[in-house]
C-alpha atoms as a PDB file:
ATOM      1  CA  MET A   1      23.446  -6.121   0.363  1.00  0.00           C
ATOM      2  CA  LYS A   2      19.736  -6.875   0.591  1.00  0.00           C
ATOM      3  CA  PRO A   3      18.184 -10.177  -0.685  1.00  0.00           C
ATOM      4  CA  ILE A   4      17.450  -9.975  -4.376  1.00  0.00           C
ATOM      5  CA  TYR A   5      14.677 -12.507  -5.150  1.00  0.00           C
ATOM      6  CA  SER A   6      14.877 -14.476  -8.276  1.00  0.00           C
ATOM      7  CA  SER A   7      10.984 -14.504  -8.775  1.00  0.00           C
ATOM      8  CA  ALA A   8       7.852 -12.789  -7.496  1.00  0.00           C
ATOM      9  CA  LYS A   9       6.832 -16.153  -5.990  1.00  0.00           C
ATOM     10  CA  GLU A  10       9.978 -16.226  -3.911  1.00  0.00           C
ATOM     11  CA  ALA A  11       9.555 -12.657  -2.728  1.00  0.00           C
ATOM     12  CA  VAL A  12       6.043 -13.317  -1.221  1.00  0.00           C
ATOM     13  CA  ALA A  13       6.881 -16.854   0.146  1.00  0.00           C
ATOM     14  CA  ASP A  14       6.588 -15.743   3.670  1.00  0.00           C
ATOM     15  CA  ILE A  15       3.216 -14.049   3.427  1.00  0.00           C
ATOM     16  CA  GLN A  16       0.733 -16.353   4.994  1.00  0.00           C
ATOM     17  CA  ASP A  17      -3.009 -16.490   5.456  1.00  0.00           C
ATOM     18  CA  GLY A  18      -4.376 -13.697   7.791  1.00  0.00           C
ATOM     19  CA  ALA A  19      -1.543 -11.375   7.118  1.00  0.00           C
ATOM     20  CA  THR A  20      -1.884  -7.487   7.029  1.00  0.00           C
ATOM     21  CA  ILE A  21      -0.265  -6.098   3.989  1.00  0.00           C
ATOM     22  CA  MET A  22       0.294  -2.391   2.817  1.00  0.00           C
ATOM     23  CA  VAL A  23       0.242  -2.128  -0.940  1.00  0.00           C
ATOM     24  CA  GLY A  24       1.636   0.934  -2.599  1.00  0.00           C
ATOM     25  CA  GLY A  25       0.008   2.809  -5.583  1.00  0.00           C
ATOM     26  CA  PHE A  26      -2.674   5.261  -6.473  1.00  0.00           C
ATOM     27  CA  GLY A  27      -5.219   3.977  -8.930  1.00  0.00           C
ATOM     28  CA  LEU A  28      -2.946   1.756 -10.940  1.00  0.00           C
ATOM     29  CA  VAL A  29       0.146   4.114 -10.772  1.00  0.00           C
ATOM     30  CA  GLY A  30       2.982   2.764  -8.770  1.00  0.00           C
ATOM     31  CA  ILE A  31       1.442  -0.648  -7.850  1.00  0.00           C
ATOM     32  CA  PRO A  32       3.640  -3.704  -7.370  1.00  0.00           C
ATOM     33  CA  GLU A  33       2.114  -5.562 -10.198  1.00  0.00           C
ATOM     34  CA  GLN A  34       4.208  -8.719 -10.141  1.00  0.00           C
ATOM     35  CA  LEU A  35       3.987  -9.103  -6.337  1.00  0.00           C
ATOM     36  CA  ILE A  36       0.227  -8.862  -6.479  1.00  0.00           C
ATOM     37  CA  LEU A  37       0.139 -11.512  -9.186  1.00  0.00           C
ATOM     38  CA  ALA A  38       2.317 -13.700  -7.096  1.00  0.00           C
ATOM     39  CA  LEU A  39      -0.048 -13.387  -4.139  1.00  0.00           C
ATOM     40  CA  VAL A  40      -2.940 -14.370  -6.460  1.00  0.00           C
ATOM     41  CA  GLU A  41      -0.951 -17.450  -7.526  1.00  0.00           C
ATOM     42  CA  LYS A  42      -0.024 -18.336  -4.057  1.00  0.00           C
ATOM     43  CA  GLY A  43      -3.689 -18.316  -3.098  1.00  0.00           C
ATOM     44  CA  VAL A  44      -3.090 -16.746   0.397  1.00  0.00           C
ATOM     45  CA  LYS A  45      -6.486 -15.982   2.097  1.00  0.00           C
ATOM     46  CA  ASP A  46      -8.079 -13.785   4.771  1.00  0.00           C
ATOM     47  CA  LEU A  47      -5.756 -10.816   3.977  1.00  0.00           C
ATOM     48  CA  THR A  48      -6.217  -7.404   5.595  1.00  0.00           C
ATOM     49  CA  VAL A  49      -5.132  -4.876   2.850  1.00  0.00           C
ATOM     50  CA  ILE A  50      -4.191  -1.341   3.365  1.00  0.00           C
ATOM     51  CA  SER A  51      -4.027   0.611   0.154  1.00  0.00           C
ATOM     52  CA  ASN A  52      -5.447   3.841  -1.209  1.00  0.00           C
ATOM     53  CA  ASN A  53      -7.861   1.888  -3.514  1.00  0.00           C
ATOM     54  CA  CYS A  54      -8.486  -1.752  -4.523  1.00  0.00           C
ATOM     55  CA  GLY A  55      -7.351  -1.733  -8.057  1.00  0.00           C
ATOM     56  CA  VAL A  56      -9.692  -2.256 -10.858  1.00  0.00           C
ATOM     57  CA  ASP A  57     -11.744  -5.257 -12.140  1.00  0.00           C
ATOM     58  CA  GLU A  58      -9.298  -7.795 -13.473  1.00  0.00           C
ATOM     59  CA  TRP A  59      -6.006  -5.996 -12.556  1.00  0.00           C
ATOM     60  CA  GLY A  60      -3.969  -4.970  -9.429  1.00  0.00           C
ATOM     61  CA  LEU A  61      -5.686  -5.728  -6.182  1.00  0.00           C
ATOM     62  CA  GLY A  62      -8.813  -6.352  -8.113  1.00  0.00           C
ATOM     63  CA  LEU A  63      -7.422  -9.756  -8.865  1.00  0.00           C
ATOM     64  CA  LEU A  64      -7.225 -10.621  -5.187  1.00  0.00           C
ATOM     65  CA  LEU A  65     -10.821  -9.405  -4.763  1.00  0.00           C
ATOM     66  CA  LYS A  66     -11.953 -11.591  -7.672  1.00  0.00           C
ATOM     67  CA  ASP A  67     -10.532 -14.693  -5.915  1.00  0.00           C
ATOM     68  CA  LYS A  68     -11.943 -13.502  -2.513  1.00  0.00           C
ATOM     69  CA  GLN A  69      -8.522 -13.523  -0.964  1.00  0.00           C
ATOM     70  CA  ILE A  70      -9.097 -10.131   0.928  1.00  0.00           C
ATOM     71  CA  LYS A  71     -11.034 -10.213   4.157  1.00  0.00           C
ATOM     72  CA  LYS A  72     -10.809  -6.546   5.031  1.00  0.00           C
ATOM     73  CA  MET A  73      -9.837  -3.505   3.055  1.00  0.00           C
ATOM     74  CA  ILE A  74      -8.625  -0.256   4.625  1.00  0.00           C
ATOM     75  CA  GLY A  75      -8.560   2.500   1.967  1.00  0.00           C
ATOM     76  CA  SER A  76     -10.015   5.765   0.823  1.00  0.00           C
ATOM     77  CA  TYR A  77     -11.486   5.193  -2.604  1.00  0.00           C
ATOM     78  CA  VAL A  78     -13.237   2.125  -4.155  1.00  0.00           C
ATOM     79  CA  GLY A  79     -15.194   3.684  -7.111  1.00  0.00           C
ATOM     80  CA  GLU A  80     -13.392   1.892  -9.925  1.00  0.00           C
ATOM     81  CA  ASN A  81     -14.188  -1.695  -9.014  1.00  0.00           C
ATOM     82  CA  LYS A  82     -17.533  -3.247  -9.687  1.00  0.00           C
ATOM     83  CA  GLU A  83     -16.542  -6.461  -7.919  1.00  0.00           C
ATOM     84  CA  PHE A  84     -15.564  -4.574  -4.813  1.00  0.00           C
ATOM     85  CA  GLU A  85     -19.054  -2.882  -4.774  1.00  0.00           C
ATOM     86  CA  ARG A  86     -20.738  -6.269  -5.151  1.00  0.00           C
ATOM     87  CA  GLN A  87     -18.717  -7.811  -2.311  1.00  0.00           C
ATOM     88  CA  VAL A  88     -19.422  -4.859   0.000  1.00  0.00           C
ATOM     89  CA  LEU A  89     -23.214  -4.897  -0.737  1.00  0.00           C
ATOM     90  CA  SER A  90     -23.337  -8.661  -0.082  1.00  0.00           C
ATOM     91  CA  GLY A  91     -21.297  -8.464   3.047  1.00  0.00           C
ATOM     92  CA  GLU A  92     -18.554 -10.603   1.705  1.00  0.00           C
ATOM     93  CA  ILE A  93     -15.832  -8.194   2.671  1.00  0.00           C
ATOM     94  CA  GLU A  94     -15.224  -5.823   5.609  1.00  0.00           C
ATOM     95  CA  VAL A  95     -14.350  -2.186   4.560  1.00  0.00           C
ATOM     96  CA  GLU A  96     -12.906   0.660   6.522  1.00  0.00           C
ATOM     97  CA  LEU A  97     -13.027   3.788   4.466  1.00  0.00           C
ATOM     98  CA  THR A  98     -10.800   6.698   5.578  1.00  0.00           C
ATOM     99  CA  PRO A  99     -10.229  10.186   4.153  1.00  0.00           C
ATOM    100  CA  GLN A 100      -7.339  10.073   1.903  1.00  0.00           C
ATOM    101  CA  GLY A 101      -5.148  12.496   3.871  1.00  0.00           C
ATOM    102  CA  THR A 102      -5.964  10.820   7.061  1.00  0.00           C
ATOM    103  CA  LEU A 103      -5.091   7.500   5.479  1.00  0.00           C
ATOM    104  CA  ALA A 104      -1.699   8.863   4.402  1.00  0.00           C
ATOM    105  CA  GLU A 105      -1.025  10.386   7.856  1.00  0.00           C
ATOM    106  CA  LYS A 106      -2.086   7.085   9.583  1.00  0.00           C
ATOM    107  CA  ILE A 107       0.508   5.221   7.552  1.00  0.00           C
ATOM    108  CA  ARG A 108       3.154   7.887   7.992  1.00  0.00           C
ATOM    109  CA  ALA A 109       2.639   7.931  11.773  1.00  0.00           C
ATOM    110  CA  GLY A 110       2.870   4.156  11.811  1.00  0.00           C
ATOM    111  CA  GLY A 111       6.294   4.312  10.150  1.00  0.00           C
ATOM    112  CA  ALA A 112       7.400   7.175  12.481  1.00  0.00           C
ATOM    113  CA  GLY A 113       6.522   5.318  15.670  1.00  0.00           C
ATOM    114  CA  ILE A 114       3.592   7.678  16.528  1.00  0.00           C
ATOM    115  CA  PRO A 115       0.755   5.633  17.924  1.00  0.00           C
ATOM    116  CA  ALA A 116      -2.167   8.167  17.210  1.00  0.00           C
ATOM    117  CA  PHE A 117      -2.873  11.826  16.204  1.00  0.00           C
ATOM    118  CA  PHE A 118      -5.819  14.233  16.201  1.00  0.00           C
ATOM    119  CA  THR A 119      -7.220  15.477  12.946  1.00  0.00           C
ATOM    120  CA  PRO A 120     -10.239  17.726  12.020  1.00  0.00           C
ATOM    121  CA  ALA A 121     -11.003  15.493   9.014  1.00  0.00           C
ATOM    122  CA  GLY A 122     -14.234  13.431   9.582  1.00  0.00           C
ATOM    123  CA  VAL A 123     -15.437  15.319  12.657  1.00  0.00           C
ATOM    124  CA  GLY A 124     -19.240  15.215  12.579  1.00  0.00           C
ATOM    125  CA  THR A 125     -19.460  12.259  10.133  1.00  0.00           C
ATOM    126  CA  THR A 126     -19.536   8.498  10.382  1.00  0.00           C
ATOM    127  CA  VAL A 127     -15.830   8.537  10.134  1.00  0.00           C
ATOM    128  CA  ALA A 128     -15.642   9.811  13.783  1.00  0.00           C
ATOM    129  CA  GLU A 129     -18.181   7.322  15.276  1.00  0.00           C
ATOM    130  CA  GLY A 130     -16.805   5.515  18.256  1.00  0.00           C
ATOM    131  CA  LYS A 131     -13.647   7.548  18.254  1.00  0.00           C
ATOM    132  CA  GLU A 132     -12.464  10.164  20.875  1.00  0.00           C
ATOM    133  CA  ILE A 133     -13.152  13.815  20.126  1.00  0.00           C
ATOM    134  CA  ARG A 134     -11.219  16.630  21.690  1.00  0.00           C
ATOM    135  CA  GLU A 135     -11.193  20.282  21.366  1.00  0.00           C
ATOM    136  CA  PHE A 136      -8.013  22.213  20.442  1.00  0.00           C
ATOM    137  CA  TYR A 137      -8.067  26.050  19.918  1.00  0.00           C
ATOM    138  CA  GLY A 138     -11.855  25.996  19.883  1.00  0.00           C
ATOM    139  CA  LYS A 139     -12.119  23.284  17.158  1.00  0.00           C
ATOM    140  CA  ASP A 140     -13.043  19.587  17.371  1.00  0.00           C
ATOM    141  CA  TYR A 141     -10.573  16.921  16.324  1.00  0.00           C
ATOM    142  CA  VAL A 142     -10.959  13.237  16.074  1.00  0.00           C
ATOM    143  CA  LEU A 143      -8.388  10.678  17.401  1.00  0.00           C
ATOM    144  CA  GLU A 144      -6.976   8.432  14.570  1.00  0.00           C
ATOM    145  CA  GLU A 145      -4.736   5.500  15.377  1.00  0.00           C
ATOM    146  CA  ALA A 146      -1.686   4.820  13.218  1.00  0.00           C
ATOM    147  CA  LEU A 147      -1.458   1.906  10.828  1.00  0.00           C
ATOM    148  CA  ARG A 148       1.303  -0.732  10.616  1.00  0.00           C
ATOM    149  CA  ALA A 149       1.478  -3.889   8.602  1.00  0.00           C
ATOM    150  CA  ASP A 150       3.205  -7.305   8.575  1.00  0.00           C
ATOM    151  CA  PHE A 151       4.368  -6.656   5.022  1.00  0.00           C
ATOM    152  CA  SER A 152       4.570  -3.582   2.823  1.00  0.00           C
ATOM    153  CA  LEU A 153       4.629  -4.270  -1.001  1.00  0.00           C
ATOM    154  CA  ILE A 154       5.865  -1.205  -2.858  1.00  0.00           C
ATOM    155  CA  ARG A 155       7.011  -0.268  -6.357  1.00  0.00           C
ATOM    156  CA  ALA A 156      10.155   1.890  -7.212  1.00  0.00           C
ATOM    157  CA  ALA A 157      11.928   2.832 -10.343  1.00  0.00           C
ATOM    158  CA  LYS A 158      15.460   2.147  -9.176  1.00  0.00           C
ATOM    159  CA  ALA A 159      17.220   0.436  -6.328  1.00  0.00           C
ATOM    160  CA  ASP A 160      20.868  -0.134  -5.454  1.00  0.00           C
ATOM    161  CA  LYS A 161      21.887  -3.526  -4.119  1.00  0.00           C
ATOM    162  CA  PHE A 162      21.983  -2.066  -0.553  1.00  0.00           C
ATOM    163  CA  GLY A 163      18.266  -1.281  -0.901  1.00  0.00           C
ATOM    164  CA  ASN A 164      18.076   2.437  -1.309  1.00  0.00           C
ATOM    165  CA  LEU A 165      15.077   3.454  -3.612  1.00  0.00           C
ATOM    166  CA  ILE A 166      14.166   6.122  -6.065  1.00  0.00           C
ATOM    167  CA  TYR A 167      10.522   6.412  -7.270  1.00  0.00           C
ATOM    168  CA  ASN A 168       9.403   7.798 -10.623  1.00  0.00           C
ATOM    169  CA  LYS A 169       7.102  10.808 -10.673  1.00  0.00           C
ATOM    170  CA  THR A 170       3.627  10.089  -9.246  1.00  0.00           C
ATOM    171  CA  ALA A 171       4.660   6.714  -7.908  1.00  0.00           C
ATOM    172  CA  GLN A 172       5.813   8.780  -5.043  1.00  0.00           C
ATOM    173  CA  ASN A 173       2.218   8.363  -3.807  1.00  0.00           C
ATOM    174  CA  PHE A 174       1.747   5.981  -0.870  1.00  0.00           C
ATOM    175  CA  ASN A 175       5.047   4.045  -1.626  1.00  0.00           C
ATOM    176  CA  PRO A 176       7.484   6.029   0.411  1.00  0.00           C
ATOM    177  CA  MET A 177       5.453   6.131   3.606  1.00  0.00           C
ATOM    178  CA  MET A 178       4.335   2.430   3.263  1.00  0.00           C
ATOM    179  CA  ALA A 179       8.112   1.422   3.050  1.00  0.00           C
ATOM    180  CA  THR A 180       8.512   2.720   6.673  1.00  0.00           C
ATOM    181  CA  ALA A 181       5.339   1.137   8.036  1.00  0.00           C
ATOM    182  CA  GLY A 182       5.843  -2.483   7.317  1.00  0.00           C
ATOM    183  CA  ALA A 183       7.678  -4.983   9.577  1.00  0.00           C
ATOM    184  CA  VAL A 184       8.955  -6.430   6.213  1.00  0.00           C
ATOM    185  CA  THR A 185       9.169  -4.241   3.193  1.00  0.00           C
ATOM    186  CA  ILE A 186       9.532  -5.909  -0.228  1.00  0.00           C
ATOM    187  CA  ALA A 187      10.312  -3.483  -3.153  1.00  0.00           C
ATOM    188  CA  GLU A 188       9.429  -4.341  -6.777  1.00  0.00           C
ATOM    189  CA  VAL A 189      11.739  -2.277  -8.941  1.00  0.00           C
ATOM    190  CA  GLU A 190      12.439  -1.731 -12.640  1.00  0.00           C
ATOM    191  CA  GLU A 191      16.249  -1.507 -12.285  1.00  0.00           C
ATOM    192  CA  ILE A 192      18.787  -2.612  -9.812  1.00  0.00           C
ATOM    193  CA  VAL A 193      22.210  -0.865  -9.833  1.00  0.00           C
ATOM    194  CA  GLU A 194      25.433  -1.300  -7.983  1.00  0.00           C
ATOM    195  CA  THR A 195      25.742   0.267  -4.475  1.00  0.00           C
ATOM    196  CA  GLY A 196      27.082   3.682  -4.771  1.00  0.00           C
ATOM    197  CA  ASP A 197      25.667   4.353  -8.293  1.00  0.00           C
ATOM    198  CA  LEU A 198      22.662   6.366  -6.918  1.00  0.00           C
ATOM    199  CA  ASP A 199      23.189  10.012  -6.077  1.00  0.00           C
ATOM    200  CA  PRO A 200      22.605  10.060  -2.267  1.00  0.00           C
ATOM    201  CA  GLN A 201      20.547  13.261  -2.660  1.00  0.00           C
ATOM    202  CA  THR A 202      18.121  11.652  -5.081  1.00  0.00           C
ATOM    203  CA  ILE A 203      17.269   8.696  -2.764  1.00  0.00           C
ATOM    204  CA  HIS A 204      13.573   8.699  -1.459  1.00  0.00           C
ATOM    205  CA  THR A 205      13.584   5.641   0.679  1.00  0.00           C
ATOM    206  CA  PRO A 206      16.790   4.796   2.652  1.00  0.00           C
ATOM    207  CA  SER A 207      17.827   1.097   2.566  1.00  0.00           C
ATOM    208  CA  ILE A 208      17.120   0.685   6.457  1.00  0.00           C
ATOM    209  CA  TYR A 209      13.424   0.379   5.534  1.00  0.00           C
ATOM    210  CA  VAL A 210      13.843  -2.285   2.836  1.00  0.00           C
ATOM    211  CA  GLN A 211      14.230  -6.077   3.505  1.00  0.00           C
ATOM    212  CA  GLY A 212      14.147  -7.467  -0.009  1.00  0.00           C
ATOM    213  CA  LEU A 213      14.257  -6.583  -3.685  1.00  0.00           C
ATOM    214  CA  LEU A 214      12.579  -7.885  -6.822  1.00  0.00           C
ATOM    215  CA  GLN A 215      13.503  -6.676 -10.266  1.00  0.00           C
ATOM    216  CA  ALA A 216      10.449  -7.003 -12.516  1.00  0.00           C
ATOM    217  CA  ASP A 217       8.958  -5.310 -15.537  1.00  0.00           C
ATOM    218  CA  GLN A 218       5.468  -3.867 -15.527  1.00  0.00           C
ATOM    219  CA  GLU A 219       2.549  -3.600 -17.955  1.00  0.00           C
ATOM    220  CA  LYS A 220       1.559  -0.223 -16.394  1.00  0.00           C
ATOM    221  CA  ARG A 221      -2.090  -0.387 -17.511  1.00  0.00           C
ATOM    222  CA  ILE A 222      -4.236   2.675 -17.731  1.00  0.00           C
ATOM    223  CA  GLU A 223      -6.947   2.808 -15.019  1.00  0.00           C
ATOM    224  CA  ARG A 224      -9.592   4.597 -17.136  1.00  0.00           C
ATOM    225  CA  LEU A 225      -9.004   5.177 -20.816  1.00  0.00           C
ATOM    226  CA  THR A 226     -10.998   8.061 -22.255  1.00  0.00           C
ATOM    227  CA  THR A 227     -10.997   8.648 -26.046  1.00  0.00           C
ATOM    228  CA  ARG A 228     -12.977  11.045 -28.222  1.00  0.00           C
END
């Protein structure tokens, strides 16, 4: 049995100023909406956030940006957030942009206990500045270090009370790998069932990686609505 929090506020109670957190999701798909809202309400500051992107204005991680709770952002895409652009240009936030595949592998490696790896992505660009370059099979590769976090906040569709998780469709983006790379992983889920009710062959994240559960509904907003 894993702790099942009675509220999002309780779930994030141990996250303090200066923490490094991974936040699952791609755009607004698969983000832990209620855990993010709880961080906003808690007012925790100086966060280092590792996520593919930083939400949008007025939703997701964009709410933490708005309140200037993020000190450093490590991600691969920031094009949907005007406040993010403003803070970057004014020097109010530190940003580390990483190719999307490299970011995914840095997180996966962190969860697997691999400290670093070589990749061809970014060689000859600003991404490789200050990093070791080594030749393999006649091709240059750049050394990238793995990523770990104090907390991973993720979103799943189902969990059992033991902490096994199943994700829905494209919510299988950064969530599964982030679950393995946090010292403490908190899973926000739509449904919690009894242990044994999930088919073992359908489980995406084994319970060993999960330290706590929060059952919570989502608004599931659309990142960019296009109409005719």
